[in-house]
Amino acid sequence: MRLENKVAIITGGAKGLGRAFAIKMAQEGAKIMVVTRRDLDNLNETVTQIKDLGGEAALFQADVSREDDTLSMAEATIKAFGKIDILVNNAAIYDGIKRKPFNEIDLNEWDLVMKVNVKGAFLATRAVFPHMKHQGYGKIVNLASEVFFTGSHGFAHYVASKGGIIGLTRALAVELGPHNICINCVAPGFTDTEASRSLTDVTKYDTSKTPLSRLERPEDLTGAVLFLASPESDFITGQTLLVNGGRAMH
């Protein structure tokens, strides 16, 4: 197993990509702490599915944009599993965002997107850092997006937040590297998740510009995240891997 005896925190783990990452890592031997701000019913379902597969998992309710919550998240993981090896910063505001011209975006919504999508990853990373530093090892995987490379009409705040994640990843790679902590990004394309279905009819998504000619699914991303969380990527840091069927190339 590629993650045997590792402990992973996955934010935004109630469903969609977060659940897919949690289950895949559990199947590879990791003990999983799944985290969400709300939707505890689905978070419990993620834990149940992992345990049904014979894995170990626990859950924690946290708002990653609040420092106290992220510190408590890290401490709860240490209490449950004794260490933290992996952090997947998957939590983000995406579900329910309405496309609007940039000059019509509500400023409170702009602040919320930045607070969760960028500050949340920053705070979660700060919370786990002392534990990874102490053990001299850690893997952090941030979720960016294809839209950083292509732009997206009516999503200025979301696109900017994902650009912020890539910038944060590069900055932290420099600071975390001396402690043997690797931090990288995975940038998915438009993916068939519950959140995406709340925004549009995914069956009408135009795949004609995608060389692999189909819509992305959550399981298309799990291999990339697993690789960046595993010892196989111990000399890779500060990078962004596009996983989008070739729709945008980098």
Protein backbone atom coordinates (compact mmCIF):
# COMPACT_ATOMS: atom_id res chain seq x y z
CA MET A 1 0.00 0.00 0.00
CA ARG A 2 1.38 3.39 -1.02
CA LEU A 3 0.21 5.26 2.09
CA GLU A 4 0.54 2.55 4.71
CA ASN A 5 0.78 4.00 8.25
CA LYS A 6 0.27 7.56 6.96
CA VAL A 7 -2.27 9.97 8.43
CA ALA A 8 -4.13 12.36 6.13
CA ILE A 9 -6.41 15.33 6.74
CA ILE A 10 -8.81 16.07 3.90
CA THR A 11 -10.82 19.27 4.09
CA GLY A 12 -14.11 19.51 2.24
CA GLY A 13 -14.46 15.76 2.71
CA ALA A 14 -18.24 15.44 2.91
CA LYS A 15 -18.79 14.55 -0.73
CA GLY A 16 -17.53 15.08 -4.28
CA LEU A 17 -13.78 15.33 -4.74
CA GLY A 18 -13.05 15.30 -1.01
CA ARG A 19 -14.86 12.02 -0.52
CA ALA A 20 -13.14 10.50 -3.55
CA PHE A 21 -9.71 11.51 -2.21
CA ALA A 22 -10.52 10.19 1.27
CA ILE A 23 -11.67 6.80 0.02
CA LYS A 24 -8.73 6.39 -2.36
CA MET A 25 -6.17 7.24 0.32
CA ALA A 26 -7.85 4.94 2.81
CA GLN A 27 -7.68 2.13 0.27
CA GLU A 28 -3.94 2.81 0.05
CA GLY A 29 -3.52 2.41 3.81
CA ALA A 30 -3.86 5.95 5.19
CA LYS A 31 -5.81 6.83 8.31
CA ILE A 32 -8.17 9.64 7.37
CA MET A 33 -9.51 12.70 9.17
CA VAL A 34 -12.25 14.19 7.01
CA VAL A 35 -13.32 17.75 7.68
CA THR A 36 -16.20 19.99 6.69
CA ARG A 37 -17.77 23.24 7.82
CA ARG A 38 -21.30 21.88 7.47
CA ASP A 39 -23.05 18.89 5.86
CA LEU A 40 -22.25 16.54 8.73
CA ASP A 41 -24.62 13.89 7.40
CA ASN A 42 -22.54 13.46 4.27
CA LEU A 43 -19.32 13.68 6.29
CA ASN A 44 -20.55 10.76 8.38
CA GLU A 45 -21.33 8.91 5.16
CA THR A 46 -17.73 9.40 3.99
CA VAL A 47 -16.45 7.90 7.25
CA THR A 48 -18.93 5.03 6.99
CA GLN A 49 -17.82 4.20 3.45
CA ILE A 50 -14.17 4.16 4.50
CA LYS A 51 -14.87 1.90 7.47
CA ASP A 52 -16.98 -0.43 5.30
CA LEU A 53 -13.89 -0.86 3.13
CA GLY A 54 -11.84 -1.80 6.19
CA GLY A 55 -10.14 1.58 6.59
CA GLU A 56 -9.71 3.89 9.57
CA ALA A 57 -11.37 7.31 9.60
CA ALA A 58 -12.64 10.03 11.88
CA LEU A 59 -14.41 13.32 11.26
CA PHE A 60 -14.10 16.88 12.49
CA GLN A 61 -16.29 19.93 11.94
CA ALA A 62 -14.27 23.04 11.14
CA ASP A 63 -14.48 26.30 9.24
CA VAL A 64 -11.05 26.46 7.62
CA SER A 65 -11.27 30.25 7.39
CA ARG A 66 -11.10 30.41 11.22
CA GLU A 67 -7.68 29.94 12.81
CA ASP A 68 -9.04 28.40 16.01
CA ASP A 69 -10.93 25.79 13.99
CA THR A 70 -7.87 24.76 11.97
CA LEU A 71 -5.72 24.49 15.09
CA SER A 72 -8.39 22.34 16.72
CA MET A 73 -8.57 20.23 13.56
CA ALA A 74 -4.84 19.51 13.76
CA GLU A 75 -4.99 18.72 17.47
CA ALA A 76 -7.97 16.39 17.00
CA THR A 77 -6.03 14.52 14.32
CA ILE A 78 -3.01 14.14 16.59
CA LYS A 79 -5.27 12.90 19.38
CA ALA A 80 -7.00 10.39 17.09
CA PHE A 81 -4.04 9.10 15.09
CA GLY A 82 -0.83 10.38 16.71
CA LYS A 83 0.60 12.35 13.78
CA ILE A 84 -0.15 14.23 10.55
CA ASP A 85 1.64 13.23 7.34
CA ILE A 86 -0.67 14.59 4.63
CA LEU A 87 -2.97 17.57 4.21
CA VAL A 88 -5.29 17.92 1.22
CA ASN A 89 -6.66 21.47 1.05
CA ASN A 90 -9.83 20.68 -0.86
CA ALA A 91 -12.38 22.89 0.94
CA ALA A 92 -13.57 25.77 -1.24
CA ILE A 93 -16.55 27.95 -2.03
CA TYR A 94 -17.85 26.81 -5.41
CA ASP A 95 -21.27 25.30 -4.94
CA GLY A 96 -23.99 27.89 -5.50
CA ILE A 97 -21.85 30.68 -6.96
CA LYS A 98 -23.81 32.58 -9.59
CA ARG A 99 -21.97 33.84 -12.65
CA LYS A 100 -21.92 37.65 -12.74
CA PRO A 101 -19.84 40.33 -14.46
CA PHE A 102 -16.93 41.30 -12.23
CA ASN A 103 -18.45 44.73 -11.53
CA GLU A 104 -21.66 43.14 -10.26
CA ILE A 105 -20.11 40.62 -7.83
CA ASP A 106 -21.27 41.30 -4.30
CA LEU A 107 -18.25 42.38 -2.25
CA ASN A 108 -19.26 40.17 0.66
CA GLU A 109 -19.30 37.19 -1.68
CA TRP A 110 -15.86 38.19 -3.01
CA ASP A 111 -14.52 38.29 0.55
CA LEU A 112 -16.10 34.94 1.43
CA VAL A 113 -14.59 33.20 -1.61
CA MET A 114 -11.14 34.56 -0.81
CA LYS A 115 -11.51 33.78 2.89
CA VAL A 116 -12.36 30.13 2.36
CA ASN A 117 -10.47 29.31 -0.83
CA VAL A 118 -7.16 31.05 -0.09
CA LYS A 119 -7.05 31.94 3.60
CA GLY A 120 -8.49 28.52 4.45
CA ALA A 121 -5.61 26.70 2.75
CA PHE A 122 -3.15 29.10 4.37
CA LEU A 123 -4.55 28.53 7.87
CA ALA A 124 -4.85 24.76 7.50
CA THR A 125 -1.24 24.60 6.35
CA ARG A 126 -0.12 26.73 9.30
CA ALA A 127 -2.01 24.44 11.66
CA VAL A 128 -0.32 21.24 10.48
CA PHE A 129 3.13 22.76 9.95
CA PRO A 130 4.47 22.35 13.52
CA HIS A 131 3.60 18.65 13.47
CA MET A 132 5.14 18.02 10.05
CA LYS A 133 8.22 20.07 10.98
CA HIS A 134 8.69 18.05 14.18
CA GLN A 135 8.69 14.75 12.30
CA GLY A 136 10.74 16.12 9.40
CA TYR A 137 8.27 15.07 6.73
CA GLY A 138 4.98 16.13 5.20
CA LYS A 139 2.92 16.29 2.03
CA ILE A 140 0.43 19.07 1.26
CA VAL A 141 -1.77 18.99 -1.83
CA ASN A 142 -3.77 22.09 -2.75
CA LEU A 143 -6.68 22.16 -5.17
CA ALA A 144 -6.36 24.83 -7.83
CA SER A 145 -8.38 24.83 -11.06
CA GLU A 146 -8.05 24.82 -14.83
CA VAL A 147 -9.81 28.21 -14.82
CA PHE A 148 -6.63 29.87 -13.57
CA PHE A 149 -5.07 29.05 -16.94
CA THR A 150 -8.10 29.82 -19.11
CA GLY A 151 -10.18 32.40 -17.27
CA SER A 152 -13.92 31.93 -16.88
CA HIS A 153 -16.63 34.48 -17.61
CA GLY A 154 -18.52 35.63 -14.53
CA PHE A 155 -16.25 33.86 -12.04
CA ALA A 156 -13.65 36.56 -11.37
CA HIS A 157 -13.50 35.89 -7.63
CA TYR A 158 -13.25 32.12 -8.00
CA VAL A 159 -10.59 32.35 -10.71
CA ALA A 160 -8.60 34.86 -8.67
CA SER A 161 -8.80 32.61 -5.60
CA LYS A 162 -7.40 29.65 -7.52
CA GLY A 163 -4.59 31.83 -8.82
CA GLY A 164 -3.96 32.75 -5.20
CA ILE A 165 -3.67 29.05 -4.34
CA ILE A 166 -1.01 28.53 -7.01
CA GLY A 167 0.92 31.57 -5.77
CA LEU A 168 0.61 30.42 -2.16
CA THR A 169 1.85 26.95 -3.12
CA ARG A 170 4.96 28.34 -4.78
CA ALA A 171 5.73 30.66 -1.89
CA LEU A 172 5.30 27.93 0.70
CA ALA A 173 7.36 25.43 -1.29
CA VAL A 174 10.36 27.69 -0.64
CA GLU A 175 9.63 27.97 3.08
CA LEU A 176 8.62 24.37 3.72
CA GLY A 177 11.30 22.67 1.65
CA PRO A 178 14.04 22.91 4.30
CA HIS A 179 11.77 20.91 6.63
CA ASN A 180 11.29 18.14 4.05
CA ILE A 181 7.68 19.16 3.46
CA CYS A 182 6.47 19.08 -0.14
CA ILE A 183 3.54 21.22 -1.27
CA ASN A 184 1.97 20.99 -4.71
CA CYS A 185 -1.26 21.76 -6.59
CA VAL A 186 -3.63 19.68 -8.62
CA ALA A 187 -5.75 21.73 -11.04
CA PRO A 188 -8.86 19.89 -12.26
CA GLY A 189 -11.02 20.86 -15.15
CA PHE A 190 -14.80 21.02 -14.95
CA THR A 191 -15.74 17.86 -13.06
CA ASP A 192 -19.02 16.04 -12.61
CA THR A 193 -19.64 16.57 -8.89
CA GLU A 194 -22.63 17.56 -6.79
CA ALA A 195 -21.31 21.12 -6.70
CA SER A 196 -20.96 21.29 -10.49
CA ARG A 197 -24.48 19.96 -10.93
CA SER A 198 -25.73 22.79 -8.73
CA LEU A 199 -24.26 25.27 -11.21
CA THR A 200 -25.27 23.81 -14.55
CA ASP A 201 -26.57 20.80 -16.46
CA VAL A 202 -23.35 18.78 -16.69
CA THR A 203 -24.79 16.61 -19.46
CA LYS A 204 -24.65 19.66 -21.77
CA TYR A 205 -20.97 20.41 -21.10
CA ASP A 206 -19.14 20.84 -24.41
CA THR A 207 -16.31 18.30 -24.55
CA SER A 208 -15.35 19.09 -28.15
CA LYS A 209 -12.28 21.05 -26.96
CA THR A 210 -11.17 18.25 -24.65
CA PRO A 211 -8.76 15.87 -26.43
CA LEU A 212 -10.00 12.93 -24.35
CA SER A 213 -13.54 13.85 -25.42
CA ARG A 214 -15.44 13.31 -22.17
CA LEU A 215 -16.43 15.02 -18.94
CA GLU A 216 -14.05 14.70 -16.01
CA ARG A 217 -15.08 12.50 -13.08
CA PRO A 218 -13.81 12.63 -9.46
CA GLU A 219 -11.93 9.35 -9.90
CA ASP A 220 -9.90 10.98 -12.68
CA LEU A 221 -8.22 13.14 -10.02
CA THR A 222 -7.52 10.63 -7.28
CA GLY A 223 -4.40 9.20 -8.91
CA ALA A 224 -2.72 12.60 -9.20
CA VAL A 225 -3.54 13.55 -5.61
CA LEU A 226 -2.41 10.14 -4.36
CA PHE A 227 0.90 10.48 -6.22
CA LEU A 228 1.59 13.93 -4.75
CA ALA A 229 0.67 12.66 -1.27
CA SER A 230 2.88 9.59 -1.52
CA PRO A 231 6.64 9.03 -1.12
CA GLU A 232 6.82 8.62 -4.91
CA SER A 233 6.84 12.43 -5.21
CA ASP A 234 9.40 13.19 -2.50
CA PHE A 235 11.44 15.43 -4.82
CA ILE A 236 8.52 17.35 -6.30
CA THR A 237 7.39 20.61 -4.72
CA GLY A 238 5.91 23.94 -5.81
CA GLN A 239 4.35 22.41 -8.92
CA THR A 240 0.88 22.54 -10.44
CA LEU A 241 -0.43 19.49 -12.28
CA LEU A 242 -3.33 20.05 -14.66
CA VAL A 243 -5.71 17.10 -14.74
CA ASN A 244 -8.30 18.03 -17.32
CA GLY A 245 -8.19 15.66 -20.26
CA GLY A 246 -5.91 18.04 -22.16
CA ARG A 247 -8.45 20.86 -22.46
CA ALA A 248 -5.81 23.32 -21.27
CA MET A 249 -2.12 22.44 -21.42
CA HIS A 250 0.65 23.70 -19.15
